[in-house]
């Protein structure tokens, strides 16, 4: 079962790219496997 929708995953990858200054394919693949509670952590300010 997919944890997140395709559009949500793409948006999250873009946000991380902005935050970290780059977007690595491995990072994107890892994000695709994240579940809801982990996505909530990503939304928290660092």
PDB file of N, CA and C in Angstrom:
ATOM      1  N   UNK A   1       0.839  -1.207   0.000  1.00  0.00           N
ATOM      2  CA  UNK A   1       0.000   0.000   0.000  1.00  0.00           C
ATOM      3  C   UNK A   1       0.871   1.253   0.000  1.00  0.00           C
ATOM      4  N   UNK A   2       0.553   2.181  -0.883  1.00  0.00           N
ATOM      5  CA  UNK A   2       1.297   3.438  -0.920  1.00  0.00           C
ATOM      6  C   UNK A   2       0.958   4.262   0.320  1.00  0.00           C
ATOM      7  N   UNK A   3       1.980   4.808   0.969  1.00  0.00           N
ATOM      8  CA  UNK A   3       1.735   5.603   2.158  1.00  0.00           C
ATOM      9  C   UNK A   3       1.213   6.990   1.816  1.00  0.00           C
ATOM     10  N   UNK A   4       1.599   7.489   0.622  1.00  0.00           N
ATOM     11  CA  UNK A   4       1.211   8.834   0.213  1.00  0.00           C
ATOM     12  C   UNK A   4       0.861   8.842  -1.268  1.00  0.00           C
ATOM     13  N   UNK A   5       0.131   9.861  -1.677  1.00  0.00           N
ATOM     14  CA  UNK A   5      -0.231  10.000  -3.083  1.00  0.00           C
ATOM     15  C   UNK A   5       0.979  10.457  -3.893  1.00  0.00           C
ATOM     16  N   UNK A   6       0.965  10.177  -5.189  1.00  0.00           N
ATOM     17  CA  UNK A   6       2.070  10.572  -6.060  1.00  0.00           C
ATOM     18  C   UNK A   6       2.312  12.082  -6.006  1.00  0.00           C
ATOM     19  N   UNK A   7       1.233  12.858  -6.094  1.00  0.00           N
ATOM     20  CA  UNK A   7       1.363  14.314  -6.060  1.00  0.00           C
ATOM     21  C   UNK A   7       1.959  14.799  -4.747  1.00  0.00           C
ATOM     22  N   UNK A   8       1.556  14.180  -3.642  1.00  0.00           N
ATOM     23  CA  UNK A   8       2.095  14.557  -2.337  1.00  0.00           C
ATOM     24  C   UNK A   8       3.584  14.253  -2.281  1.00  0.00           C
ATOM     25  N   UNK A   9       3.978  13.103  -2.808  1.00  0.00           N
ATOM     26  CA  UNK A   9       5.390  12.720  -2.804  1.00  0.00           C
ATOM     27  C   UNK A   9       6.215  13.724  -3.597  1.00  0.00           C
ATOM     28  N   UNK A  10       5.715  14.119  -4.759  1.00  0.00           N
ATOM     29  CA  UNK A  10       6.438  15.084  -5.591  1.00  0.00           C
ATOM     30  C   UNK A  10       6.584  16.419  -4.876  1.00  0.00           C
ATOM     31  N   UNK A  11       5.514  16.845  -4.189  1.00  0.00           N
ATOM     32  CA  UNK A  11       5.563  18.108  -3.462  1.00  0.00           C
ATOM     33  C   UNK A  11       6.586  18.037  -2.330  1.00  0.00           C
ATOM     34  N   UNK A  12       6.600  16.916  -1.615  1.00  0.00           N
ATOM     35  CA  UNK A  12       7.534  16.742  -0.504  1.00  0.00           C
ATOM     36  C   UNK A  12       8.970  16.748  -1.005  1.00  0.00           C
ATOM     37  N   UNK A  13       9.211  16.059  -2.133  1.00  0.00           N
ATOM     38  CA  UNK A  13      10.563  16.047  -2.703  1.00  0.00           C
ATOM     39  C   UNK A  13      10.998  17.462  -3.062  1.00  0.00           C
ATOM     40  N   UNK A  14      10.066  18.251  -3.615  1.00  0.00           N
ATOM     41  CA  UNK A  14      10.399  19.641  -3.967  1.00  0.00           C
ATOM     42  C   UNK A  14      10.725  20.457  -2.720  1.00  0.00           C
ATOM     43  N   UNK A  15       9.932  20.274  -1.668  1.00  0.00           N
ATOM     44  CA  UNK A  15      10.173  21.014  -0.429  1.00  0.00           C
ATOM     45  C   UNK A  15      11.529  20.656   0.164  1.00  0.00           C
ATOM     46  N   UNK A  16      11.864  19.359   0.134  1.00  0.00           N
ATOM     47  CA  UNK A  16      13.164  18.936   0.649  1.00  0.00           C
ATOM     48  C   UNK A  16      14.290  19.470  -0.218  1.00  0.00           C
ATOM     49  N   UNK A  17      14.076  19.523  -1.527  1.00  0.00           N
ATOM     50  CA  UNK A  17      15.089  20.065  -2.428  1.00  0.00           C
ATOM     51  C   UNK A  17      15.357  21.531  -2.079  1.00  0.00           C
ATOM     52  N   UNK A  18      14.294  22.276  -1.783  1.00  0.00           N
ATOM     53  CA  UNK A  18      14.460  23.673  -1.390  1.00  0.00           C
ATOM     54  C   UNK A  18      15.187  23.774  -0.051  1.00  0.00           C
ATOM     55  N   UNK A  19      14.840  22.879   0.865  1.00  0.00           N
ATOM     56  CA  UNK A  19      15.417  22.937   2.212  1.00  0.00           C
ATOM     57  C   UNK A  19      16.894  22.559   2.214  1.00  0.00           C
ATOM     58  N   UNK A  20      17.238  21.521   1.432  1.00  0.00           N
ATOM     59  CA  UNK A  20      18.608  21.010   1.464  1.00  0.00           C
ATOM     60  C   UNK A  20      19.441  21.472   0.273  1.00  0.00           C
ATOM     61  N   UNK A  21      18.805  22.159  -0.678  1.00  0.00           N
ATOM     62  CA  UNK A  21      19.547  22.705  -1.798  1.00  0.00           C
ATOM     63  C   UNK A  21      19.798  21.705  -2.914  1.00  0.00           C
ATOM     64  N   UNK A  22      19.289  20.501  -2.777  1.00  0.00           N
ATOM     65  CA  UNK A  22      19.453  19.498  -3.828  1.00  0.00           C
ATOM     66  C   UNK A  22      18.402  18.414  -3.645  1.00  0.00           C
ATOM     67  N   UNK A  23      18.243  17.580  -4.654  1.00  0.00           N
ATOM     68  CA  UNK A  23      17.288  16.489  -4.558  1.00  0.00           C
ATOM     69  C   UNK A  23      17.901  15.242  -5.169  1.00  0.00           C
ATOM     70  N   UNK A  24      18.357  14.340  -4.331  1.00  0.00           N
ATOM     71  CA  UNK A  24      19.005  13.127  -4.808  1.00  0.00           C
ATOM     72  C   UNK A  24      17.966  12.038  -5.049  1.00  0.00           C
ATOM     73  N   UNK A  25      18.123  11.247  -6.103  1.00  0.00           N
ATOM     74  CA  UNK A  25      17.178  10.164  -6.388  1.00  0.00           C
ATOM     75  C   UNK A  25      17.010   9.218  -5.205  1.00  0.00           C
ATOM     76  N   UNK A  26      18.102   8.916  -4.507  1.00  0.00           N
ATOM     77  CA  UNK A  26      18.003   8.007  -3.362  1.00  0.00           C
ATOM     78  C   UNK A  26      17.136   8.620  -2.272  1.00  0.00           C
ATOM     79  N   UNK A  27      17.290   9.922  -2.062  1.00  0.00           N
ATOM     80  CA  UNK A  27      16.467  10.620  -1.076  1.00  0.00           C
ATOM     81  C   UNK A  27      14.999  10.567  -1.482  1.00  0.00           C
ATOM     82  N   UNK A  28      14.735  10.793  -2.762  1.00  0.00           N
ATOM     83  CA  UNK A  28      13.360  10.749  -3.257  1.00  0.00           C
ATOM     84  C   UNK A  28      12.757   9.357  -3.055  1.00  0.00           C
ATOM     85  N   UNK A  29      13.539   8.319  -3.341  1.00  0.00           N
ATOM     86  CA  UNK A  29      13.049   6.949  -3.161  1.00  0.00           C
ATOM     87  C   UNK A  29      12.741   6.676  -1.695  1.00  0.00           C
ATOM     88  N   UNK A  30      13.584   7.194  -0.803  1.00  0.00           N
ATOM     89  CA  UNK A  30      13.370   7.012   0.630  1.00  0.00           C
ATOM     90  C   UNK A  30      12.080   7.713   1.054  1.00  0.00           C
ATOM     91  N   UNK A  31      11.862   8.915   0.532  1.00  0.00           N
ATOM     92  CA  UNK A  31      10.656   9.672   0.866  1.00  0.00           C
ATOM     93  C   UNK A  31       9.406   8.918   0.437  1.00  0.00           C
ATOM     94  N   UNK A  32       9.466   8.255  -0.732  1.00  0.00           N
ATOM     95  CA  UNK A  32       8.304   7.525  -1.239  1.00  0.00           C
ATOM     96  C   UNK A  32       7.874   6.417  -0.286  1.00  0.00           C
ATOM     97  N   UNK A  33       8.809   5.948   0.554  1.00  0.00           N
ATOM     98  CA  UNK A  33       8.490   4.851   1.476  1.00  0.00           C
ATOM     99  C   UNK A  33       8.011   5.354   2.842  1.00  0.00           C
ATOM    100  N   UNK A  34       8.087   6.648   3.050  1.00  0.00           N
ATOM    101  CA  UNK A  34       7.698   7.198   4.346  1.00  0.00           C
ATOM    102  C   UNK A  34       6.202   7.062   4.596  1.00  0.00           C
ATOM    103  N   UNK A  35       5.849   6.937   5.848  1.00  0.00           N
ATOM    104  CA  UNK A  35       4.436   6.873   6.236  1.00  0.00           C
ATOM    105  C   UNK A  35       4.002   8.221   6.811  1.00  0.00           C
ATOM    106  N   UNK A  36       2.729   8.338   7.128  1.00  0.00           N
ATOM    107  CA  UNK A  36       2.146   9.606   7.549  1.00  0.00           C
ATOM    108  C   UNK A  36       2.848  10.285   8.715  1.00  0.00           C
ATOM    109  N   UNK A  37       3.178   9.543   9.781  1.00  0.00           N
ATOM    110  CA  UNK A  37       3.761  10.198  10.954  1.00  0.00           C
ATOM    111  C   UNK A  37       5.140  10.739  10.636  1.00  0.00           C
ATOM    112  N   UNK A  38       5.860  10.089   9.721  1.00  0.00           N
ATOM    113  CA  UNK A  38       7.175  10.593   9.332  1.00  0.00           C
ATOM    114  C   UNK A  38       7.030  11.849   8.476  1.00  0.00           C
ATOM    115  N   UNK A  39       5.981  11.894   7.651  1.00  0.00           N
ATOM    116  CA  UNK A  39       5.722  13.091   6.849  1.00  0.00           C
ATOM    117  C   UNK A  39       5.423  14.273   7.762  1.00  0.00           C
ATOM    118  N   UNK A  40       4.732  14.019   8.863  1.00  0.00           N
ATOM    119  CA  UNK A  40       4.436  15.080   9.815  1.00  0.00           C
ATOM    120  C   UNK A  40       5.728  15.634  10.409  1.00  0.00           C
ATOM    121  N   UNK A  41       6.711  14.766  10.646  1.00  0.00           N
ATOM    122  CA  UNK A  41       7.994  15.220  11.174  1.00  0.00           C
ATOM    123  C   UNK A  41       8.697  16.127  10.170  1.00  0.00           C
ATOM    124  N   UNK A  42       8.586  15.802   8.882  1.00  0.00           N
ATOM    125  CA  UNK A  42       9.214  16.626   7.853  1.00  0.00           C
ATOM    126  C   UNK A  42       8.608  18.024   7.818  1.00  0.00           C
ATOM    127  N   UNK A  43       7.334  18.123   8.201  1.00  0.00           N
ATOM    128  CA  UNK A  43       6.650  19.412   8.164  1.00  0.00           C
ATOM    129  C   UNK A  43       7.070  20.312   9.324  1.00  0.00           C
ATOM    130  N   UNK A  44       7.674  19.734  10.359  1.00  0.00           N
ATOM    131  CA  UNK A  44       8.097  20.514  11.521  1.00  0.00           C
ATOM    132  C   UNK A  44       9.316  21.365  11.170  1.00  0.00           C
ATOM    133  N   UNK A  45       9.394  22.592  11.681  1.00  0.00           N
ATOM    134  CA  UNK A  45      10.575  23.427  11.451  1.00  0.00           C
ATOM    135  C   UNK A  45      11.807  22.787  12.081  1.00  0.00           C
ATOM    136  N   UNK A  46      12.937  22.964  11.453  1.00  0.00           N
ATOM    137  CA  UNK A  46      14.182  22.386  11.991  1.00  0.00           C
ATOM    138  C   UNK A  46      14.754  23.317  13.053  1.00  0.00           C
TER     139      UNK A  46
END
